[in-house]
């Protein structure tokens, strides 16, 4: 029985290590655990189909607006990892329970404002449809 309990504790840690600890130790994860996702975004659902053209458009938008800090692979660029706090590692994040459409919409729209981090808000930069395309692409990382 003890072995099963120990194994149950190790599986989430191994998954987090495989993702590079993507969200497990991030300020955003801690914020969401304390406050939840902003109610304005919490119930949002991506209306776009995950078609090849939407994902490719999301990839182009990601490269233009996000990769400078988050890196092409989503694991952080050199500059992004030197920020304080460092950027979130996005590779594998979509497989975590926290990664709802509403979560992604909130993060991209509001940026680091709620956390006082360096990420700029994109709600006045990108159209909502473009945010959803980026979300579709992020789910492929």
Protein backbone atom coordinates (compact mmCIF):
# COMPACT_ATOMS: atom_id res chain seq x y z
CA UNK A 1 0.00 0.00 0.00
CA UNK A 2 2.83 2.41 0.82
CA UNK A 3 4.40 1.74 -2.57
CA UNK A 4 1.16 2.71 -4.31
CA UNK A 5 0.90 5.90 -2.26
CA UNK A 6 4.50 6.81 -3.08
CA UNK A 7 3.92 6.08 -6.76
CA UNK A 8 0.80 8.27 -6.74
CA UNK A 9 2.93 11.13 -5.41
CA UNK A 10 5.72 10.61 -7.94
CA UNK A 11 3.61 10.55 -11.11
CA UNK A 12 2.63 14.25 -11.01
CA UNK A 13 6.20 15.19 -10.11
CA UNK A 14 7.57 13.20 -13.04
CA UNK A 15 5.06 14.82 -15.38
CA UNK A 16 6.05 18.27 -14.14
CA UNK A 17 9.73 17.44 -14.54
CA UNK A 18 9.10 16.22 -18.08
CA UNK A 19 7.46 19.56 -18.85
CA UNK A 20 10.32 21.44 -17.25
CA UNK A 21 8.06 22.36 -14.31
CA UNK A 22 5.99 24.44 -16.75
CA UNK A 23 3.29 25.77 -14.48
CA UNK A 24 3.78 23.88 -11.24
CA UNK A 25 6.01 26.53 -9.68
CA UNK A 26 4.92 29.57 -11.64
CA UNK A 27 3.48 32.72 -10.11
CA UNK A 28 0.46 32.35 -12.42
CA UNK A 29 -0.28 28.84 -11.16
CA UNK A 30 -0.08 30.06 -7.57
CA UNK A 31 -2.32 33.02 -8.43
CA UNK A 32 -4.95 30.78 -10.04
CA UNK A 33 -4.85 28.36 -7.12
CA UNK A 34 -5.56 31.27 -4.74
CA UNK A 35 -7.94 33.40 -6.82
CA UNK A 36 -9.11 31.31 -9.77
CA UNK A 37 -9.27 32.53 -13.35
CA UNK A 38 -10.78 35.99 -13.74
CA UNK A 39 -14.57 35.46 -13.94
CA UNK A 40 -14.67 37.52 -17.15
CA UNK A 41 -12.77 34.70 -18.85
CA UNK A 42 -13.37 31.60 -16.73
CA UNK A 43 -16.24 30.15 -18.78
CA UNK A 44 -14.88 31.12 -22.20
CA UNK A 45 -14.77 28.42 -24.88
CA UNK A 46 -12.80 28.59 -28.09
CA UNK A 47 -15.35 28.80 -30.92
CA UNK A 48 -12.80 27.96 -33.63
CA UNK A 49 -12.31 24.51 -35.08
CA UNK A 50 -8.78 23.12 -34.68
CA UNK A 51 -8.34 23.05 -38.45
CA UNK A 52 -4.91 23.02 -40.05
CA UNK A 53 -5.41 26.58 -41.32
CA UNK A 54 -6.45 27.91 -37.88
CA UNK A 55 -3.52 26.18 -36.17
CA UNK A 56 -1.07 27.44 -38.80
CA UNK A 57 -2.45 30.98 -38.39
CA UNK A 58 -2.07 30.60 -34.61
CA UNK A 59 1.52 29.47 -35.08
CA UNK A 60 2.29 32.54 -37.20
CA UNK A 61 0.68 34.84 -34.61
CA UNK A 62 2.55 33.06 -31.80
CA UNK A 63 5.87 33.52 -33.60
CA UNK A 64 5.11 37.20 -34.17
CA UNK A 65 3.88 38.09 -30.67
CA UNK A 66 4.98 35.37 -28.23
CA UNK A 67 8.11 33.51 -29.33
CA UNK A 68 10.47 36.36 -28.50
CA UNK A 69 9.95 35.48 -24.81
CA UNK A 70 8.37 32.00 -24.82
CA UNK A 71 10.62 30.60 -27.56
CA UNK A 72 9.64 28.76 -30.73
CA UNK A 73 9.06 25.52 -28.82
CA UNK A 74 7.24 27.21 -25.92
CA UNK A 75 9.97 26.33 -23.46
CA UNK A 76 11.25 29.88 -23.07
CA UNK A 77 13.76 31.94 -25.00
CA UNK A 78 17.04 32.98 -23.46
CA UNK A 79 15.65 36.49 -22.90
CA UNK A 80 12.36 35.19 -21.52
CA UNK A 81 14.02 32.87 -19.03
CA UNK A 82 16.10 35.77 -17.71
CA UNK A 83 13.00 37.81 -16.78
CA UNK A 84 11.92 38.01 -13.15
CA UNK A 85 9.79 35.99 -12.91
CA UNK A 86 10.89 33.92 -15.91
CA UNK A 87 8.29 33.29 -18.61
CA UNK A 88 6.05 30.26 -18.30
CA UNK A 89 7.15 27.21 -20.21
CA UNK A 90 4.21 26.47 -22.46
CA UNK A 91 5.27 23.12 -23.89
CA UNK A 92 2.93 20.49 -22.44
CA UNK A 93 0.87 23.03 -20.54
CA UNK A 94 -2.29 22.15 -22.46
CA UNK A 95 -2.28 18.72 -20.80
CA UNK A 96 -2.56 20.26 -17.33
CA UNK A 97 -5.97 20.71 -15.64
CA UNK A 98 -5.40 24.46 -15.31
CA UNK A 99 -5.25 24.93 -19.11
CA UNK A 100 -8.88 25.62 -19.96
CA UNK A 101 -9.83 27.82 -22.89
CA UNK A 102 -10.80 30.47 -20.37
CA UNK A 103 -7.38 30.26 -18.71
CA UNK A 104 -5.56 30.75 -22.01
CA UNK A 105 -7.91 33.58 -23.03
CA UNK A 106 -7.29 35.33 -19.70
CA UNK A 107 -3.51 34.89 -19.84
CA UNK A 108 -3.18 36.21 -23.39
CA UNK A 109 -5.75 38.99 -22.99
CA UNK A 110 -4.58 40.36 -19.63
CA UNK A 111 -0.92 39.34 -19.82
CA UNK A 112 1.07 39.71 -16.63
CA UNK A 113 -0.92 42.66 -15.29
CA UNK A 114 -2.65 40.67 -12.51
CA UNK A 115 0.72 39.23 -11.46
CA UNK A 116 2.88 42.28 -12.10
CA UNK A 117 5.03 40.30 -14.52
CA UNK A 118 6.55 41.53 -17.79
CA UNK A 119 4.01 39.91 -20.13
CA UNK A 120 2.04 42.62 -21.92
CA UNK A 121 -1.74 42.35 -22.28
CA UNK A 122 -2.82 41.53 -25.84
CA UNK A 123 -6.55 42.27 -25.60
CA UNK A 124 -6.07 45.63 -27.31
CA UNK A 125 -3.42 44.34 -29.72
CA UNK A 126 -4.98 41.17 -31.10
CA UNK A 127 -8.50 40.48 -32.31
CA UNK A 128 -10.35 37.89 -30.20
CA UNK A 129 -10.30 35.49 -33.15
CA UNK A 130 -6.50 35.79 -33.28
CA UNK A 131 -6.24 35.00 -29.56
CA UNK A 132 -8.30 31.85 -30.17
CA UNK A 133 -5.99 30.87 -33.04
CA UNK A 134 -2.99 31.21 -30.73
CA UNK A 135 -4.79 29.03 -28.17
CA UNK A 136 -5.29 26.35 -30.83
CA UNK A 137 -1.58 26.46 -31.62
CA UNK A 138 -0.57 26.36 -27.94
CA UNK A 139 -2.53 23.13 -27.59
CA UNK A 140 -0.14 21.53 -30.10
CA UNK A 141 3.01 22.28 -28.09
